[in-house]
Amino acid sequence: MNASTIPKATVCWVKNRLADGEQP
């Protein structure tokens, strides 16, 4: 795994989590 792959996946995961929380 690349060091840049982990943060990238985390950002996508966080964005998805925030999107789920903001969705009605």
N, C-alpha and C. Protein backbone atom coordinates (compact mmCIF):
# COMPACT_ATOMS: atom_id res chain seq x y z
N MET A 1 0.85 -1.21 0.00
CA MET A 1 0.00 0.00 0.00
C MET A 1 0.88 1.26 0.00
N ASN A 2 0.53 2.20 -0.83
CA ASN A 2 1.30 3.44 -0.87
C ASN A 2 0.90 4.35 0.29
N ALA A 3 1.83 5.18 0.73
CA ALA A 3 1.54 6.08 1.85
C ALA A 3 0.45 7.08 1.44
N SER A 4 0.37 7.37 0.14
CA SER A 4 -0.64 8.33 -0.33
C SER A 4 -1.98 7.66 -0.55
N THR A 5 -1.99 6.34 -0.60
CA THR A 5 -3.26 5.63 -0.83
C THR A 5 -4.12 5.63 0.42
N ILE A 6 -3.48 5.55 1.58
CA ILE A 6 -4.24 5.48 2.83
C ILE A 6 -5.01 6.79 3.08
N PRO A 7 -4.34 7.95 3.07
CA PRO A 7 -5.06 9.21 3.28
C PRO A 7 -6.15 9.43 2.23
N LYS A 8 -5.86 9.04 1.01
CA LYS A 8 -6.84 9.21 -0.07
C LYS A 8 -8.10 8.41 0.25
N ALA A 9 -7.93 7.17 0.66
CA ALA A 9 -9.09 6.33 0.98
C ALA A 9 -9.81 6.89 2.20
N THR A 10 -9.04 7.41 3.15
CA THR A 10 -9.66 7.96 4.36
C THR A 10 -10.51 9.17 4.01
N VAL A 11 -9.98 10.02 3.14
CA VAL A 11 -10.74 11.21 2.73
C VAL A 11 -12.04 10.80 2.06
N CYS A 12 -11.97 9.80 1.19
CA CYS A 12 -13.18 9.32 0.51
C CYS A 12 -14.16 8.76 1.54
N TRP A 13 -13.64 8.01 2.51
CA TRP A 13 -14.50 7.40 3.53
C TRP A 13 -15.17 8.48 4.36
N VAL A 14 -14.37 9.47 4.79
CA VAL A 14 -14.92 10.56 5.60
C VAL A 14 -15.98 11.32 4.81
N LYS A 15 -15.70 11.57 3.55
CA LYS A 15 -16.67 12.29 2.71
C LYS A 15 -17.97 11.49 2.63
N ASN A 16 -17.85 10.18 2.47
CA ASN A 16 -19.05 9.34 2.39
C ASN A 16 -19.81 9.38 3.70
N ARG A 17 -19.08 9.34 4.82
CA ARG A 17 -19.72 9.37 6.15
C ARG A 17 -20.45 10.70 6.32
N LEU A 18 -19.80 11.80 5.94
CA LEU A 18 -20.42 13.11 6.09
C LEU A 18 -21.64 13.20 5.17
N ALA A 19 -21.52 12.68 3.97
CA ALA A 19 -22.63 12.72 3.03
C ALA A 19 -23.81 11.94 3.60
N ASP A 20 -23.54 10.78 4.20
CA ASP A 20 -24.62 9.97 4.77
C ASP A 20 -25.30 10.74 5.90
N GLY A 21 -24.51 11.46 6.70
CA GLY A 21 -25.06 12.20 7.84
C GLY A 21 -25.85 13.41 7.38
N GLU A 22 -25.44 14.00 6.26
CA GLU A 22 -26.13 15.20 5.78
C GLU A 22 -27.37 14.84 4.96
N GLN A 23 -27.40 13.64 4.43
CA GLN A 23 -28.56 13.23 3.62
C GLN A 23 -29.78 13.03 4.52
N PRO A 24 -30.94 13.51 4.11
CA PRO A 24 -32.17 13.36 4.93
C PRO A 24 -32.68 11.93 4.95
